[in-house]
PDB file of N, CA and C in Angstrom:
ATOM      1  N   UNK A   1      27.414  39.498 -54.410  1.00  0.00           N
ATOM      2  CA  UNK A   1      27.029  40.822 -55.223  1.00  0.00           C
ATOM      3  C   UNK A   1      25.838  40.761 -55.797  1.00  0.00           C
ATOM      4  N   UNK A   2      25.305  39.984 -56.530  1.00  0.00           N
ATOM      5  CA  UNK A   2      24.123  39.939 -56.940  1.00  0.00           C
ATOM      6  C   UNK A   2      23.100  40.422 -55.992  1.00  0.00           C
ATOM      7  N   UNK A   3      23.071  39.904 -54.522  1.00  0.00           N
ATOM      8  CA  UNK A   3      22.023  40.254 -53.685  1.00  0.00           C
ATOM      9  C   UNK A   3      21.986  41.971 -53.507  1.00  0.00           C
ATOM     10  N   UNK A   4      23.331  42.578 -53.601  1.00  0.00           N
ATOM     11  CA  UNK A   4      23.165  43.867 -53.554  1.00  0.00           C
ATOM     12  C   UNK A   4      23.002  44.468 -54.607  1.00  0.00           C
ATOM     13  N   UNK A   5      22.353  44.247 -55.822  1.00  0.00           N
ATOM     14  CA  UNK A   5      22.209  44.563 -57.060  1.00  0.00           C
ATOM     15  C   UNK A   5      23.332  45.149 -58.208  1.00  0.00           C
ATOM     16  N   UNK A   6      24.491  44.287 -57.733  1.00  0.00           N
ATOM     17  CA  UNK A   6      25.665  44.184 -58.814  1.00  0.00           C
ATOM     18  C   UNK A   6      25.597  43.408 -59.509  1.00  0.00           C
ATOM     19  N   UNK A   7      26.318  43.636 -60.396  1.00  0.00           N
ATOM     20  CA  UNK A   7      26.891  42.582 -61.940  1.00  0.00           C
ATOM     21  C   UNK A   7      28.018  42.447 -61.472  1.00  0.00           C
ATOM     22  N   UNK A   8      28.676  41.070 -62.226  1.00  0.00           N
ATOM     23  CA  UNK A   8      29.901  40.739 -62.133  1.00  0.00           C
ATOM     24  C   UNK A   8      30.786  40.730 -63.287  1.00  0.00           C
ATOM     25  N   UNK A   9      31.683  41.124 -63.710  1.00  0.00           N
ATOM     26  CA  UNK A   9      32.475  40.607 -64.881  1.00  0.00           C
ATOM     27  C   UNK A   9      33.973  40.550 -64.676  1.00  0.00           C
ATOM     28  N   UNK A  10      34.877  40.278 -65.515  1.00  0.00           N
ATOM     29  CA  UNK A  10      36.410  40.253 -65.520  1.00  0.00           C
ATOM     30  C   UNK A  10      36.684  40.678 -66.407  1.00  0.00           C
ATOM     31  N   UNK A  11      37.969  41.195 -66.231  1.00  0.00           N
ATOM     32  CA  UNK A  11      39.098  41.494 -67.459  1.00  0.00           C
ATOM     33  C   UNK A  11      39.966  41.076 -67.398  1.00  0.00           C
ATOM     34  N   UNK A  12      40.618  40.473 -68.310  1.00  0.00           N
ATOM     35  CA  UNK A  12      42.101  39.818 -67.860  1.00  0.00           C
ATOM     36  C   UNK A  12      42.597  39.815 -69.568  1.00  0.00           C
ATOM     37  N   UNK A  13      44.244  39.406 -69.684  1.00  0.00           N
ATOM     38  CA  UNK A  13      44.880  39.876 -70.507  1.00  0.00           C
ATOM     39  C   UNK A  13      44.729  38.470 -71.442  1.00  0.00           C
ATOM     40  N   UNK A  14      43.787  37.364 -71.051  1.00  0.00           N
ATOM     41  CA  UNK A  14      43.956  36.216 -71.647  1.00  0.00           C
ATOM     42  C   UNK A  14      43.107  36.524 -72.992  1.00  0.00           C
ATOM     43  N   UNK A  15      43.309  35.886 -74.044  1.00  0.00           N
ATOM     44  CA  UNK A  15      42.546  35.658 -75.260  1.00  0.00           C
ATOM     45  C   UNK A  15      41.218  35.187 -75.074  1.00  0.00           C
ATOM     46  N   UNK A  16      40.404  35.348 -76.539  1.00  0.00           N
ATOM     47  CA  UNK A  16      39.243  34.773 -75.995  1.00  0.00           C
ATOM     48  C   UNK A  16      39.009  33.561 -76.269  1.00  0.00           C
ATOM     49  N   UNK A  17      39.749  32.908 -76.938  1.00  0.00           N
ATOM     50  CA  UNK A  17      39.452  31.174 -76.991  1.00  0.00           C
ATOM     51  C   UNK A  17      39.705  30.690 -75.362  1.00  0.00           C
ATOM     52  N   UNK A  18      40.970  30.966 -74.556  1.00  0.00           N
ATOM     53  CA  UNK A  18      41.134  30.887 -73.588  1.00  0.00           C
ATOM     54  C   UNK A  18      40.086  31.187 -72.572  1.00  0.00           C
ATOM     55  N   UNK A  19      39.377  32.383 -72.927  1.00  0.00           N
ATOM     56  CA  UNK A  19      38.238  32.354 -71.767  1.00  0.00           C
ATOM     57  C   UNK A  19      36.971  31.761 -72.179  1.00  0.00           C
ATOM     58  N   UNK A  20      36.597  31.205 -73.410  1.00  0.00           N
ATOM     59  CA  UNK A  20      36.100  30.418 -73.522  1.00  0.00           C
ATOM     60  C   UNK A  20      36.069  29.187 -73.066  1.00  0.00           C
ATOM     61  N   UNK A  21      37.557  28.614 -72.803  1.00  0.00           N
ATOM     62  CA  UNK A  21      37.606  27.331 -72.412  1.00  0.00           C
ATOM     63  C   UNK A  21      37.297  27.204 -70.992  1.00  0.00           C
ATOM     64  N   UNK A  22      37.972  28.426 -70.433  1.00  0.00           N
ATOM     65  CA  UNK A  22      37.669  28.314 -68.903  1.00  0.00           C
ATOM     66  C   UNK A  22      36.433  28.609 -68.608  1.00  0.00           C
ATOM     67  N   UNK A  23      35.547  29.104 -69.306  1.00  0.00           N
ATOM     68  CA  UNK A  23      33.956  29.381 -68.802  1.00  0.00           C
ATOM     69  C   UNK A  23      33.266  27.968 -68.894  1.00  0.00           C
ATOM     70  N   UNK A  24      33.599  27.411 -69.811  1.00  0.00           N
ATOM     71  CA  UNK A  24      32.981  26.195 -70.284  1.00  0.00           C
ATOM     72  C   UNK A  24      33.582  25.370 -69.024  1.00  0.00           C
ATOM     73  N   UNK A  25      35.019  24.994 -68.670  1.00  0.00           N
ATOM     74  CA  UNK A  25      35.285  23.893 -67.375  1.00  0.00           C
ATOM     75  C   UNK A  25      34.749  24.717 -66.446  1.00  0.00           C
ATOM     76  N   UNK A  26      34.700  25.645 -65.939  1.00  0.00           N
ATOM     77  CA  UNK A  26      34.285  26.308 -64.793  1.00  0.00           C
ATOM     78  C   UNK A  26      32.668  26.644 -64.395  1.00  0.00           C
ATOM     79  N   UNK A  27      32.117  26.379 -65.839  1.00  0.00           N
ATOM     80  CA  UNK A  27      30.629  26.703 -65.685  1.00  0.00           C
ATOM     81  C   UNK A  27      30.456  27.865 -65.244  1.00  0.00           C
ATOM     82  N   UNK A  28      31.461  29.126 -65.784  1.00  0.00           N
ATOM     83  CA  UNK A  28      31.377  30.322 -65.704  1.00  0.00           C
ATOM     84  C   UNK A  28      30.272  31.299 -66.439  1.00  0.00           C
ATOM     85  N   UNK A  29      29.513  31.984 -65.448  1.00  0.00           N
ATOM     86  CA  UNK A  29      28.169  32.426 -66.740  1.00  0.00           C
ATOM     87  C   UNK A  29      28.173  33.962 -66.822  1.00  0.00           C
ATOM     88  N   UNK A  30      29.381  34.466 -65.950  1.00  0.00           N
ATOM     89  CA  UNK A  30      29.308  36.024 -66.000  1.00  0.00           C
ATOM     90  C   UNK A  30      30.380  36.546 -67.150  1.00  0.00           C
ATOM     91  N   UNK A  31      29.947  37.646 -67.606  1.00  0.00           N
ATOM     92  CA  UNK A  31      31.281  38.023 -68.479  1.00  0.00           C
ATOM     93  C   UNK A  31      32.616  37.757 -68.325  1.00  0.00           C
ATOM     94  N   UNK A  32      33.086  37.569 -69.177  1.00  0.00           N
ATOM     95  CA  UNK A  32      34.792  37.444 -68.846  1.00  0.00           C
ATOM     96  C   UNK A  32      35.402  38.025 -70.259  1.00  0.00           C
ATOM     97  N   UNK A  33      35.872  39.250 -70.052  1.00  0.00           N
ATOM     98  CA  UNK A  33      36.525  40.392 -71.142  1.00  0.00           C
ATOM     99  C   UNK A  33      37.680  40.284 -71.592  1.00  0.00           C
ATOM    100  N   UNK A  34      38.525  40.083 -72.475  1.00  0.00           N
ATOM    101  CA  UNK A  34      39.524  39.727 -73.260  1.00  0.00           C
ATOM    102  C   UNK A  34      40.343  41.248 -73.400  1.00  0.00           C
ATOM    103  N   UNK A  35      40.883  41.379 -72.760  1.00  0.00           N
ATOM    104  CA  UNK A  35      41.973  43.054 -72.860  1.00  0.00           C
ATOM    105  C   UNK A  35      43.348  42.784 -73.238  1.00  0.00           C
ATOM    106  N   UNK A  36      43.455  41.736 -74.612  1.00  0.00           N
ATOM    107  CA  UNK A  36      45.065  41.457 -74.576  1.00  0.00           C
ATOM    108  C   UNK A  36      46.080  42.390 -75.001  1.00  0.00           C
ATOM    109  N   UNK A  37      45.787  43.281 -75.351  1.00  0.00           N
ATOM    110  CA  UNK A  37      46.732  44.532 -75.252  1.00  0.00           C
ATOM    111  C   UNK A  37      46.869  44.868 -74.105  1.00  0.00           C
ATOM    112  N   UNK A  38      45.828  44.969 -73.112  1.00  0.00           N
ATOM    113  CA  UNK A  38      45.869  45.276 -71.874  1.00  0.00           C
ATOM    114  C   UNK A  38      45.806  46.666 -71.681  1.00  0.00           C
ATOM    115  N   UNK A  39      45.170  47.271 -72.391  1.00  0.00           N
ATOM    116  CA  UNK A  39      44.695  48.766 -72.940  1.00  0.00           C
ATOM    117  C   UNK A  39      43.513  49.177 -71.403  1.00  0.00           C
ATOM    118  N   UNK A  40      42.677  48.321 -71.108  1.00  0.00           N
ATOM    119  CA  UNK A  40      41.716  48.692 -70.317  1.00  0.00           C
ATOM    120  C   UNK A  40      42.642  48.679 -68.712  1.00  0.00           C
ATOM    121  N   UNK A  41      43.642  47.364 -68.552  1.00  0.00           N
ATOM    122  CA  UNK A  41      44.225  47.375 -67.439  1.00  0.00           C
ATOM    123  C   UNK A  41      45.310  48.389 -67.324  1.00  0.00           C
ATOM    124  N   UNK A  42      45.868  48.983 -68.321  1.00  0.00           N
ATOM    125  CA  UNK A  42      46.488  50.021 -68.082  1.00  0.00           C
ATOM    126  C   UNK A  42      45.989  51.660 -67.653  1.00  0.00           C
ATOM    127  N   UNK A  43      44.756  51.814 -68.012  1.00  0.00           N
ATOM    128  CA  UNK A  43      44.040  52.913 -67.995  1.00  0.00           C
ATOM    129  C   UNK A  43      43.385  52.605 -66.680  1.00  0.00           C
ATOM    130  N   UNK A  44      43.233  51.670 -65.851  1.00  0.00           N
ATOM    131  CA  UNK A  44      42.781  51.746 -64.369  1.00  0.00           C
ATOM    132  C   UNK A  44      44.223  51.594 -63.826  1.00  0.00           C
ATOM    133  N   UNK A  45      45.529  51.677 -64.062  1.00  0.00           N
ATOM    134  CA  UNK A  45      46.850  51.628 -63.290  1.00  0.00           C
ATOM    135  C   UNK A  45      46.865  50.506 -62.680  1.00  0.00           C
ATOM    136  N   UNK A  46      46.729  49.244 -63.509  1.00  0.00           N
ATOM    137  CA  UNK A  46      46.904  47.827 -63.084  1.00  0.00           C
ATOM    138  C   UNK A  46      47.791  46.992 -63.451  1.00  0.00           C
ATOM    139  N   UNK A  47      48.524  47.643 -64.462  1.00  0.00           N
ATOM    140  CA  UNK A  47      49.944  46.825 -65.076  1.00  0.00           C
ATOM    141  C   UNK A  47      50.697  46.571 -64.219  1.00  0.00           C
ATOM    142  N   UNK A  48      50.844  45.172 -64.292  1.00  0.00           N
ATOM    143  CA  UNK A  48      51.990  44.657 -63.100  1.00  0.00           C
ATOM    144  C   UNK A  48      53.351  44.654 -64.022  1.00  0.00           C
ATOM    145  N   UNK A  49      54.214  45.988 -63.505  1.00  0.00           N
ATOM    146  CA  UNK A  49      55.432  46.086 -64.186  1.00  0.00           C
ATOM    147  C   UNK A  49      56.644  45.628 -64.330  1.00  0.00           C
ATOM    148  N   UNK A  50      56.696  44.520 -63.623  1.00  0.00           N
ATOM    149  CA  UNK A  50      58.037  43.571 -63.324  1.00  0.00           C
ATOM    150  C   UNK A  50      57.896  42.412 -64.412  1.00  0.00           C
ATOM    151  N   UNK A  51      56.917  42.602 -65.362  1.00  0.00           N
ATOM    152  CA  UNK A  51      57.159  41.635 -66.182  1.00  0.00           C
ATOM    153  C   UNK A  51      57.799  42.205 -67.529  1.00  0.00           C
ATOM    154  N   UNK A  52      58.863  41.748 -68.340  1.00  0.00           N
ATOM    155  CA  UNK A  52      59.397  42.679 -69.569  1.00  0.00           C
ATOM    156  C   UNK A  52      58.493  42.220 -70.586  1.00  0.00           C
ATOM    157  N   UNK A  53      58.370  43.261 -71.421  1.00  0.00           N
ATOM    158  CA  UNK A  53      57.808  42.923 -72.700  1.00  0.00           C
ATOM    159  C   UNK A  53      58.142  41.892 -73.681  1.00  0.00           C
ATOM    160  N   UNK A  54      57.199  40.904 -74.152  1.00  0.00           N
ATOM    161  CA  UNK A  54      57.777  39.654 -74.446  1.00  0.00           C
ATOM    162  C   UNK A  54      57.554  38.227 -73.626  1.00  0.00           C
ATOM    163  N   UNK A  55      57.747  38.881 -72.397  1.00  0.00           N
ATOM    164  CA  UNK A  55      57.360  37.656 -71.473  1.00  0.00           C
ATOM    165  C   UNK A  55      55.963  37.108 -71.543  1.00  0.00           C
ATOM    166  N   UNK A  56      55.826  35.956 -71.138  1.00  0.00           N
ATOM    167  CA  UNK A  56      54.404  35.266 -70.978  1.00  0.00           C
ATOM    168  C   UNK A  56      53.595  36.224 -70.085  1.00  0.00           C
ATOM    169  N   UNK A  57      54.137  36.565 -69.011  1.00  0.00           N
ATOM    170  CA  UNK A  57      53.149  37.474 -67.863  1.00  0.00           C
ATOM    171  C   UNK A  57      53.252  39.150 -68.501  1.00  0.00           C
ATOM    172  N   UNK A  58      53.719  39.376 -69.570  1.00  0.00           N
ATOM    173  CA  UNK A  58      53.503  41.003 -69.534  1.00  0.00           C
ATOM    174  C   UNK A  58      52.408  40.995 -70.199  1.00  0.00           C
ATOM    175  N   UNK A  59      51.482  42.243 -69.507  1.00  0.00           N
ATOM    176  CA  UNK A  59      50.305  42.409 -69.546  1.00  0.00           C
ATOM    177  C   UNK A  59      49.186  42.091 -68.265  1.00  0.00           C
ATOM    178  N   UNK A  60      50.095  41.441 -67.453  1.00  0.00           N
ATOM    179  CA  UNK A  60      49.151  40.724 -66.316  1.00  0.00           C
ATOM    180  C   UNK A  60      48.538  42.143 -65.258  1.00  0.00           C
ATOM    181  N   UNK A  61      47.662  42.299 -65.267  1.00  0.00           N
ATOM    182  CA  UNK A  61      47.325  43.322 -63.959  1.00  0.00           C
ATOM    183  C   UNK A  61      47.349  42.823 -62.468  1.00  0.00           C
ATOM    184  N   UNK A  62      47.804  43.734 -61.978  1.00  0.00           N
ATOM    185  CA  UNK A  62      47.529  43.217 -60.188  1.00  0.00           C
ATOM    186  C   UNK A  62      46.101  42.969 -59.834  1.00  0.00           C
ATOM    187  N   UNK A  63      45.984  42.063 -58.999  1.00  0.00           N
ATOM    188  CA  UNK A  63      44.725  41.648 -58.098  1.00  0.00           C
ATOM    189  C   UNK A  63      43.870  42.895 -58.336  1.00  0.00           C
ATOM    190  N   UNK A  64      42.649  42.838 -58.660  1.00  0.00           N
ATOM    191  CA  UNK A  64      41.952  44.471 -58.028  1.00  0.00           C
ATOM    192  C   UNK A  64      39.802  43.922 -58.415  1.00  0.00           C
ATOM    193  N   UNK A  65      39.272  44.651 -57.741  1.00  0.00           N
ATOM    194  CA  UNK A  65      37.976  44.610 -58.128  1.00  0.00           C
ATOM    195  C   UNK A  65      37.711  46.037 -58.014  1.00  0.00           C
ATOM    196  N   UNK A  66      37.102  46.399 -59.114  1.00  0.00           N
ATOM    197  CA  UNK A  66      36.715  47.719 -59.301  1.00  0.00           C
ATOM    198  C   UNK A  66      35.223  48.182 -59.430  1.00  0.00           C
ATOM    199  N   UNK A  67      34.600  48.775 -58.611  1.00  0.00           N
ATOM    200  CA  UNK A  67      32.956  49.102 -58.745  1.00  0.00           C
ATOM    201  C   UNK A  67      32.327  50.324 -59.745  1.00  0.00           C
ATOM    202  N   UNK A  68      32.119  49.753 -60.735  1.00  0.00           N
ATOM    203  CA  UNK A  68      31.333  51.373 -61.519  1.00  0.00           C
ATOM    204  C   UNK A  68      30.019  51.411 -61.422  1.00  0.00           C
ATOM    205  N   UNK A  69      29.600  52.258 -60.762  1.00  0.00           N
ATOM    206  CA  UNK A  69      28.250  52.843 -60.661  1.00  0.00           C
ATOM    207  C   UNK A  69      27.415  52.928 -61.570  1.00  0.00           C
ATOM    208  N   UNK A  70      25.871  53.142 -61.697  1.00  0.00           N
ATOM    209  CA  UNK A  70      25.055  53.686 -62.637  1.00  0.00           C
ATOM    210  C   UNK A  70      25.571  54.621 -63.644  1.00  0.00           C
ATOM    211  N   UNK A  71      26.288  55.660 -63.251  1.00  0.00           N
ATOM    212  CA  UNK A  71      26.920  56.518 -64.151  1.00  0.00           C
ATOM    213  C   UNK A  71      28.007  56.478 -64.538  1.00  0.00           C
ATOM    214  N   UNK A  72      28.816  55.410 -64.491  1.00  0.00           N
ATOM    215  CA  UNK A  72      29.936  54.707 -65.223  1.00  0.00           C
ATOM    216  C   UNK A  72      31.032  55.205 -64.675  1.00  0.00           C
ATOM    217  N   UNK A  73      30.934  55.860 -63.534  1.00  0.00           N
ATOM    218  CA  UNK A  73      32.363  56.186 -62.408  1.00  0.00           C
ATOM    219  C   UNK A  73      32.410  55.159 -61.365  1.00  0.00           C
ATOM    220  N   UNK A  74      33.562  55.114 -61.176  1.00  0.00           N
ATOM    221  CA  UNK A  74      34.335  54.088 -60.148  1.00  0.00           C
ATOM    222  C   UNK A  74      33.605  54.566 -59.108  1.00  0.00           C
ATOM    223  N   UNK A  75      33.309  53.712 -58.091  1.00  0.00           N
ATOM    224  CA  UNK A  75      32.607  54.214 -56.997  1.00  0.00           C
ATOM    225  C   UNK A  75      33.333  53.686 -55.583  1.00  0.00           C
ATOM    226  N   UNK A  76      34.128  52.246 -56.001  1.00  0.00           N
ATOM    227  CA  UNK A  76      35.174  51.560 -54.975  1.00  0.00           C
ATOM    228  C   UNK A  76      36.118  51.243 -55.939  1.00  0.00           C
ATOM    229  N   UNK A  77      37.026  51.245 -55.022  1.00  0.00           N
ATOM    230  CA  UNK A  77      38.580  49.926 -55.934  1.00  0.00           C
ATOM    231  C   UNK A  77      39.182  49.426 -54.806  1.00  0.00           C
ATOM    232  N   UNK A  78      39.580  48.159 -54.923  1.00  0.00           N
ATOM    233  CA  UNK A  78      40.126  47.550 -54.074  1.00  0.00           C
ATOM    234  C   UNK A  78      41.072  46.819 -55.063  1.00  0.00           C
ATOM    235  N   UNK A  79      42.345  46.873 -54.590  1.00  0.00           N
ATOM    236  CA  UNK A  79      43.659  46.684 -55.388  1.00  0.00           C
ATOM    237  C   UNK A  79      44.667  46.228 -54.295  1.00  0.00           C
ATOM    238  N   UNK A  80      45.844  44.943 -54.984  1.00  0.00           N
ATOM    239  CA  UNK A  80      46.721  44.418 -54.252  1.00  0.00           C
ATOM    240  C   UNK A  80      47.669  44.623 -55.204  1.00  0.00           C
ATOM    241  N   UNK A  81      48.983  45.281 -54.756  1.00  0.00           N
ATOM    242  CA  UNK A  81      50.011  45.025 -55.698  1.00  0.00           C
ATOM    243  C   UNK A  81      50.775  43.528 -55.892  1.00  0.00           C
ATOM    244  N   UNK A  82      50.657  42.595 -54.755  1.00  0.00           N
ATOM    245  CA  UNK A  82      51.183  41.366 -54.876  1.00  0.00           C
ATOM    246  C   UNK A  82      50.426  40.056 -55.827  1.00  0.00           C
ATOM    247  N   UNK A  83      50.700  39.694 -56.642  1.00  0.00           N
ATOM    248  CA  UNK A  83      50.074  39.094 -57.471  1.00  0.00           C
ATOM    249  C   UNK A  83      49.193  37.558 -56.882  1.00  0.00           C
ATOM    250  N   UNK A  84      49.928  37.208 -55.687  1.00  0.00           N
ATOM    251  CA  UNK A  84      49.354  36.164 -55.069  1.00  0.00           C
ATOM    252  C   UNK A  84      48.202  36.636 -53.708  1.00  0.00           C
ATOM    253  N   UNK A  85      48.160  37.749 -53.631  1.00  0.00           N
ATOM    254  CA  UNK A  85      47.152  38.361 -53.027  1.00  0.00           C
ATOM    255  C   UNK A  85      46.040  38.665 -53.637  1.00  0.00           C
ATOM    256  N   UNK A  86      44.611  38.697 -52.835  1.00  0.00           N
ATOM    257  CA  UNK A  86      43.458  38.900 -53.376  1.00  0.00           C
ATOM    258  C   UNK A  86      42.892  40.343 -52.598  1.00  0.00           C
ATOM    259  N   UNK A  87      41.728  41.367 -53.207  1.00  0.00           N
ATOM    260  CA  UNK A  87      41.053  41.825 -52.170  1.00  0.00           C
ATOM    261  C   UNK A  87      40.437  41.026 -51.177  1.00  0.00           C
ATOM    262  N   UNK A  88      40.176  41.407 -50.146  1.00  0.00           N
ATOM    263  CA  UNK A  88      39.617  40.533 -48.879  1.00  0.00           C
ATOM    264  C   UNK A  88      37.727  40.770 -49.391  1.00  0.00           C
ATOM    265  N   UNK A  89      37.392  39.350 -49.724  1.00  0.00           N
ATOM    266  CA  UNK A  89      35.910  39.829 -50.094  1.00  0.00           C
ATOM    267  C   UNK A  89      34.875  40.223 -49.014  1.00  0.00           C
ATOM    268  N   UNK A  90      35.309  40.168 -47.870  1.00  0.00           N
ATOM    269  CA  UNK A  90      34.268  40.521 -46.915  1.00  0.00           C
ATOM    270  C   UNK A  90      34.338  42.319 -46.843  1.00  0.00           C
ATOM    271  N   UNK A  91      35.642  42.675 -47.160  1.00  0.00           N
ATOM    272  CA  UNK A  91      35.744  44.057 -46.917  1.00  0.00           C
ATOM    273  C   UNK A  91      35.019  44.670 -48.060  1.00  0.00           C
ATOM    274  N   UNK A  92      35.161  44.071 -49.085  1.00  0.00           N
ATOM    275  CA  UNK A  92      34.308  44.559 -50.299  1.00  0.00           C
ATOM    276  C   UNK A  92      33.035  44.809 -50.184  1.00  0.00           C
ATOM    277  N   UNK A  93      32.347  43.523 -49.460  1.00  0.00           N
ATOM    278  CA  UNK A  93      31.205  43.302 -49.267  1.00  0.00           C
ATOM    279  C   UNK A  93      30.227  44.624 -48.514  1.00  0.00           C
ATOM    280  N   UNK A  94      31.146  44.448 -47.331  1.00  0.00           N
ATOM    281  CA  UNK A  94      31.041  45.511 -46.394  1.00  0.00           C
ATOM    282  C   UNK A  94      30.507  47.098 -47.044  1.00  0.00           C
ATOM    283  N   UNK A  95      31.757  47.507 -47.828  1.00  0.00           N
ATOM    284  CA  UNK A  95      31.782  48.191 -48.514  1.00  0.00           C
ATOM    285  C   UNK A  95      30.680  48.688 -49.348  1.00  0.00           C
ATOM    286  N   UNK A  96      30.130  47.453 -50.207  1.00  0.00           N
ATOM    287  CA  UNK A  96      29.225  47.744 -50.970  1.00  0.00           C
ATOM    288  C   UNK A  96      27.963  47.969 -50.185  1.00  0.00           C
ATOM    289  N   UNK A  97      27.831  47.190 -49.098  1.00  0.00           N
ATOM    290  CA  UNK A  97      26.724  47.484 -48.255  1.00  0.00           C
ATOM    291  C   UNK A  97      26.511  48.806 -47.612  1.00  0.00           C
ATOM    292  N   UNK A  98      27.368  49.788 -47.985  1.00  0.00           N
ATOM    293  CA  UNK A  98      27.324  50.987 -47.403  1.00  0.00           C
ATOM    294  C   UNK A  98      28.150  51.424 -46.042  1.00  0.00           C
ATOM    295  N   UNK A  99      28.640  50.187 -45.833  1.00  0.00           N
ATOM    296  CA  UNK A  99      29.277  50.323 -44.003  1.00  0.00           C
ATOM    297  C   UNK A  99      30.727  51.033 -43.940  1.00  0.00           C
ATOM    298  N   UNK A 100      31.290  51.160 -45.297  1.00  0.00           N
ATOM    299  CA  UNK A 100      32.377  51.579 -45.445  1.00  0.00           C
ATOM    300  C   UNK A 100      32.445  52.815 -46.349  1.00  0.00           C
ATOM    301  N   UNK A 101      33.239  53.498 -46.566  1.00  0.00           N
ATOM    302  CA  UNK A 101      33.536  54.622 -47.781  1.00  0.00           C
ATOM    303  C   UNK A 101      34.576  53.903 -48.559  1.00  0.00           C
ATOM    304  N   UNK A 102      34.281  54.300 -49.739  1.00  0.00           N
ATOM    305  CA  UNK A 102      34.915  53.915 -51.145  1.00  0.00           C
ATOM    306  C   UNK A 102      36.275  54.518 -51.247  1.00  0.00           C
TER     307      UNK A 102
END
């Protein structure tokens, strides 16, 4: 991603202390943003709605990679509905290289 000129960050419903522990343990250096109320997750239509409010997993997003261009507009969106699936990184990289349309 960096070689193509993109920066990487994550958005999760996890609290900041949990993200700090993960970053330290996994030696993560890119920004990990906490969206504890899932406001950003909802804004992008990624909320996994199969978990009831009050559940540990309530607020969790569907797996997604969203690319925002320099103008702040979404240029590419890759998402899956099943939590165990992830967007295929080779497909994402090819799209970012301009070989596929977003």
